[in-house]
C-alpha atoms as a PDB file:
ATOM      1  CA  MET A   1     -47.086  80.918 -25.253  1.00  0.00           C
ATOM      2  CA  THR A   2     -46.389  77.761 -23.328  1.00  0.00           C
ATOM      3  CA  ASP A   3     -48.332  75.380 -21.151  1.00  0.00           C
ATOM      4  CA  ALA A   4     -45.533  75.128 -18.603  1.00  0.00           C
ATOM      5  CA  PRO A   5     -46.479  76.624 -15.264  1.00  0.00           C
ATOM      6  CA  ALA A   6     -44.712  79.744 -14.109  1.00  0.00           C
ATOM      7  CA  PRO A   7     -41.772  79.117 -11.765  1.00  0.00           C
ATOM      8  CA  GLU A   8     -43.767  80.322  -8.753  1.00  0.00           C
ATOM      9  CA  ASP A   9     -46.535  77.803  -9.572  1.00  0.00           C
ATOM     10  CA  ARG A  10     -44.195  74.822  -9.482  1.00  0.00           C
ATOM     11  CA  PRO A  11     -43.910  72.861  -6.266  1.00  0.00           C
ATOM     12  CA  ALA A  12     -40.800  73.598  -4.247  1.00  0.00           C
ATOM     13  CA  GLU A  13     -39.593  70.021  -4.472  1.00  0.00           C
ATOM     14  CA  SER A  14     -40.647  66.966  -6.429  1.00  0.00           C
ATOM     15  CA  PRO A  15     -41.173  63.635  -4.655  1.00  0.00           C
ATOM     16  CA  HIS A  16     -38.134  62.266  -6.477  1.00  0.00           C
ATOM     17  CA  THR A  17     -35.906  65.078  -5.219  1.00  0.00           C
ATOM     18  CA  ALA A  18     -37.266  64.536  -1.712  1.00  0.00           C
ATOM     19  CA  ALA A  19     -36.325  60.858  -2.022  1.00  0.00           C
ATOM     20  CA  LEU A  20     -32.799  61.819  -3.053  1.00  0.00           C
ATOM     21  CA  ARG A  21     -32.503  64.198  -0.106  1.00  0.00           C
ATOM     22  CA  LYS A  22     -33.607  61.367   2.169  1.00  0.00           C
ATOM     23  CA  ALA A  23     -31.010  59.138   0.515  1.00  0.00           C
ATOM     24  CA  VAL A  24     -28.278  61.678   1.273  1.00  0.00           C
ATOM     25  CA  ARG A  25     -29.421  61.888   4.904  1.00  0.00           C
ATOM     26  CA  PHE A  26     -29.364  58.091   5.249  1.00  0.00           C
ATOM     27  CA  GLY A  27     -25.994  57.950   3.501  1.00  0.00           C
ATOM     28  CA  VAL A  28     -24.515  60.518   5.886  1.00  0.00           C
ATOM     29  CA  LEU A  29     -25.986  58.656   8.858  1.00  0.00           C
ATOM     30  CA  ALA A  30     -24.553  55.349   7.616  1.00  0.00           C
ATOM     31  CA  LEU A  31     -21.182  57.028   7.039  1.00  0.00           C
ATOM     32  CA  ALA A  32     -21.154  58.501  10.557  1.00  0.00           C
ATOM     33  CA  VAL A  33     -21.920  55.113  12.116  1.00  0.00           C
ATOM     34  CA  LEU A  34     -19.262  53.453   9.968  1.00  0.00           C
ATOM     35  CA  ALA A  35     -16.682  56.127  10.820  1.00  0.00           C
ATOM     36  CA  VAL A  36     -17.212  55.651  14.560  1.00  0.00           C
ATOM     37  CA  ILE A  37     -17.170  51.842  14.423  1.00  0.00           C
ATOM     38  CA  SER A  38     -14.235  51.716  12.021  1.00  0.00           C
ATOM     39  CA  ALA A  39     -12.252  54.253  14.049  1.00  0.00           C
ATOM     40  CA  ILE A  40     -12.752  52.261  17.244  1.00  0.00           C
ATOM     41  CA  VAL A  41     -11.910  48.913  15.645  1.00  0.00           C
ATOM     42  CA  TRP A  42      -8.842  50.129  13.779  1.00  0.00           C
ATOM     43  CA  ALA A  43      -7.606  52.147  16.774  1.00  0.00           C
ATOM     44  CA  LEU A  44      -7.718  48.941  18.816  1.00  0.00           C
ATOM     45  CA  VAL A  45      -5.997  46.959  16.054  1.00  0.00           C
ATOM     46  CA  ASP A  46      -3.318  49.436  14.881  1.00  0.00           C
ATOM     47  CA  GLY A  47      -3.358  52.250  17.430  1.00  0.00           C
ATOM     48  CA  LEU A  48      -3.195  55.867  16.266  1.00  0.00           C
ATOM     49  CA  PRO A  49      -2.213  54.983  12.667  1.00  0.00           C
ATOM     50  CA  GLY A  50      -5.304  52.757  12.478  1.00  0.00           C
ATOM     51  CA  LEU A  51      -7.480  55.588  13.749  1.00  0.00           C
ATOM     52  CA  TRP A  52      -6.101  57.981  11.111  1.00  0.00           C
ATOM     53  CA  GLY A  53      -6.492  55.399   8.356  1.00  0.00           C
ATOM     54  CA  ALA A  54     -10.083  54.679   9.323  1.00  0.00           C
ATOM     55  CA  LEU A  55     -11.092  58.337   9.538  1.00  0.00           C
ATOM     56  CA  MET A  56      -9.453  59.265   6.232  1.00  0.00           C
ATOM     57  CA  GLY A  57     -10.877  56.173   4.529  1.00  0.00           C
ATOM     58  CA  ALA A  58     -14.384  56.933   5.756  1.00  0.00           C
ATOM     59  CA  GLY A  59     -14.099  60.530   4.578  1.00  0.00           C
ATOM     60  CA  ILE A  60     -12.821  59.698   1.111  1.00  0.00           C
ATOM     61  CA  GLY A  61     -15.105  56.715   0.527  1.00  0.00           C
ATOM     62  CA  GLY A  62     -18.180  58.504   1.832  1.00  0.00           C
ATOM     63  CA  ALA A  63     -17.508  61.695  -0.089  1.00  0.00           C
ATOM     64  CA  PHE A  64     -17.063  59.712  -3.299  1.00  0.00           C
ATOM     65  CA  VAL A  65     -20.559  58.204  -3.092  1.00  0.00           C
ATOM     66  CA  LEU A  66     -22.414  61.128  -1.498  1.00  0.00           C
ATOM     67  CA  ALA A  67     -21.154  63.584  -4.113  1.00  0.00           C
ATOM     68  CA  THR A  68     -23.139  61.825  -6.835  1.00  0.00           C
ATOM     69  CA  ALA A  69     -26.464  62.145  -5.018  1.00  0.00           C
ATOM     70  CA  ILE A  70     -25.737  65.777  -4.185  1.00  0.00           C
ATOM     71  CA  VAL A  71     -24.958  66.545  -7.839  1.00  0.00           C
ATOM     72  CA  VAL A  72     -28.192  64.869  -8.962  1.00  0.00           C
ATOM     73  CA  ILE A  73     -30.160  66.961  -6.446  1.00  0.00           C
ATOM     74  CA  ALA A  74     -28.395  70.123  -7.628  1.00  0.00           C
ATOM     75  CA  THR A  75     -29.325  69.419 -11.258  1.00  0.00           C
ATOM     76  CA  ALA A  76     -32.818  68.053 -10.581  1.00  0.00           C
ATOM     77  CA  ARG A  77     -34.565  70.924 -12.359  1.00  0.00           C
ATOM     78  CA  SER A  78     -32.308  70.703 -15.405  1.00  0.00           C
ATOM     79  CA  ALA A  79     -32.944  68.781 -18.581  1.00  0.00           C
ATOM     80  CA  PRO A  80     -32.180  65.048 -18.293  1.00  0.00           C
ATOM     81  CA  GLN A  81     -29.312  65.429 -20.763  1.00  0.00           C
ATOM     82  CA  THR A  82     -27.770  68.157 -18.616  1.00  0.00           C
ATOM     83  CA  THR A  83     -28.080  66.055 -15.484  1.00  0.00           C
ATOM     84  CA  ALA A  84     -26.492  63.071 -17.244  1.00  0.00           C
ATOM     85  CA  ALA A  85     -23.606  65.185 -18.554  1.00  0.00           C
ATOM     86  CA  VAL A  86     -22.963  66.773 -15.162  1.00  0.00           C
ATOM     87  CA  VAL A  87     -23.114  63.417 -13.349  1.00  0.00           C
ATOM     88  CA  LEU A  88     -20.712  61.856 -15.854  1.00  0.00           C
ATOM     89  CA  GLY A  89     -18.344  64.828 -15.645  1.00  0.00           C
ATOM     90  CA  THR A  90     -18.337  64.889 -11.859  1.00  0.00           C
ATOM     91  CA  TRP A  91     -17.818  61.118 -11.767  1.00  0.00           C
ATOM     92  CA  LEU A  92     -14.673  61.536 -13.846  1.00  0.00           C
ATOM     93  CA  LEU A  93     -13.561  64.456 -11.677  1.00  0.00           C
ATOM     94  CA  LYS A  94     -14.206  62.451  -8.488  1.00  0.00           C
ATOM     95  CA  LEU A  95     -12.218  59.534  -9.862  1.00  0.00           C
ATOM     96  CA  LEU A  96      -9.244  61.744 -10.747  1.00  0.00           C
ATOM     97  CA  VAL A  97      -9.340  63.544  -7.388  1.00  0.00           C
ATOM     98  CA  ALA A  98      -9.622  60.266  -5.459  1.00  0.00           C
ATOM     99  CA  MET A  99      -6.698  58.773  -7.380  1.00  0.00           C
ATOM    100  CA  GLY A 100      -4.663  61.926  -6.763  1.00  0.00           C
ATOM    101  CA  VAL A 101      -5.435  61.974  -3.041  1.00  0.00           C
ATOM    102  CA  VAL A 102      -4.649  58.276  -2.628  1.00  0.00           C
ATOM    103  CA  ALA A 103      -1.406  58.685  -4.606  1.00  0.00           C
ATOM    104  CA  ALA A 104      -0.411  61.714  -2.538  1.00  0.00           C
ATOM    105  CA  LEU A 105      -1.168  59.912   0.730  1.00  0.00           C
ATOM    106  CA  ALA A 106       0.711  56.745  -0.292  1.00  0.00           C
ATOM    107  CA  GLN A 107       4.068  58.324   0.572  1.00  0.00           C
ATOM    108  CA  PHE A 108       3.115  58.967   4.204  1.00  0.00           C
ATOM    109  CA  ASP A 109       3.289  56.471   7.026  1.00  0.00           C
ATOM    110  CA  PHE A 110       1.373  58.250   9.804  1.00  0.00           C
ATOM    111  CA  TYR A 111      -1.705  56.138   9.036  1.00  0.00           C
ATOM    112  CA  SER A 112      -2.419  52.460   8.535  1.00  0.00           C
ATOM    113  CA  HIS A 113      -2.646  51.736   4.825  1.00  0.00           C
ATOM    114  CA  THR A 114      -4.680  48.605   5.537  1.00  0.00           C
ATOM    115  CA  ALA A 115      -7.202  50.502   7.671  1.00  0.00           C
ATOM    116  CA  PHE A 116      -7.379  53.180   4.992  1.00  0.00           C
ATOM    117  CA  GLY A 117      -8.035  50.759   2.122  1.00  0.00           C
ATOM    118  CA  VAL A 118     -10.484  48.540   3.971  1.00  0.00           C
ATOM    119  CA  THR A 119     -12.440  51.515   5.305  1.00  0.00           C
ATOM    120  CA  ILE A 120     -12.691  53.116   1.850  1.00  0.00           C
ATOM    121  CA  ILE A 121     -14.158  49.924   0.407  1.00  0.00           C
ATOM    122  CA  VAL A 122     -16.547  49.420   3.321  1.00  0.00           C
ATOM    123  CA  ALA A 123     -17.581  53.101   3.196  1.00  0.00           C
ATOM    124  CA  LEU A 124     -18.421  52.834  -0.498  1.00  0.00           C
ATOM    125  CA  VAL A 125     -20.636  49.811   0.140  1.00  0.00           C
ATOM    126  CA  VAL A 126     -22.259  51.087   3.347  1.00  0.00           C
ATOM    127  CA  VAL A 127     -23.084  54.574   2.058  1.00  0.00           C
ATOM    128  CA  LEU A 128     -24.414  53.208  -1.222  1.00  0.00           C
ATOM    129  CA  ALA A 129     -26.523  50.672   0.694  1.00  0.00           C
ATOM    130  CA  GLY A 130     -27.911  53.432   2.930  1.00  0.00           C
ATOM    131  CA  GLU A 131     -28.796  55.597  -0.054  1.00  0.00           C
ATOM    132  CA  THR A 132     -30.331  52.669  -1.925  1.00  0.00           C
ATOM    133  CA  TRP A 133     -32.435  51.636   1.060  1.00  0.00           C
ATOM    134  CA  ALA A 134     -33.747  55.191   1.481  1.00  0.00           C
ATOM    135  CA  VAL A 135     -34.696  55.478  -2.200  1.00  0.00           C
ATOM    136  CA  LEU A 136     -36.369  52.059  -2.244  1.00  0.00           C
ATOM    137  CA  LYS A 137     -38.426  52.900   0.850  1.00  0.00           C
ATOM    138  CA  ALA A 138     -39.436  56.331  -0.480  1.00  0.00           C
ATOM    139  CA  ARG A 139     -43.007  56.647  -1.603  1.00  0.00           C
ATOM    140  CA  THR A 140     -42.798  58.404  -4.932  1.00  0.00           C
ATOM    141  CA  PRO A 141     -45.480  58.379  -7.607  1.00  0.00           C
ATOM    142  CA  TYR A 142     -44.751  56.919 -11.015  1.00  0.00           C
ATOM    143  CA  VAL A 143     -46.579  59.837 -12.629  1.00  0.00           C
ATOM    144  CA  GLU A 144     -46.931  63.309 -11.191  1.00  0.00           C
ATOM    145  CA  PRO A 145     -50.399  64.786 -11.699  1.00  0.00           C
ATOM    146  CA  THR A 146     -50.610  68.048 -13.587  1.00  0.00           C
ATOM    147  CA  VAL A 147     -52.016  70.995 -11.728  1.00  0.00           C
ATOM    148  CA  PRO A 148     -54.538  73.040 -13.738  1.00  0.00           C
END
């Protein structure tokens, strides 16, 4: 016998998971704004190669950051150790995939390498800032009350 409520008695989503979902939404919104602005700027600076570099950089940089929040949401109902292991494993996987994609793309010249690199760095910062702002503005309780 256990004191844990039955699965149907649990709320559908905790306030912390809701905050993470909001963070993903803000991150995607920030990434979309960055992609448009970066694409316009780099298209004006470097033409079509600049446009390709900006779009690919926004996609890779944004996916790198957003994947972490999505993985945390997916493992929110797991034990903390499981969540930590999955986040660490996916971080390593993301790093290897990103390095592989960048290495594979390095041989091509249809895109601006400068636009690509700058946009990746800016995307990492902008998406992380959007997610951080959403989490900091979320109203989540420090302690969740138990339901009798």
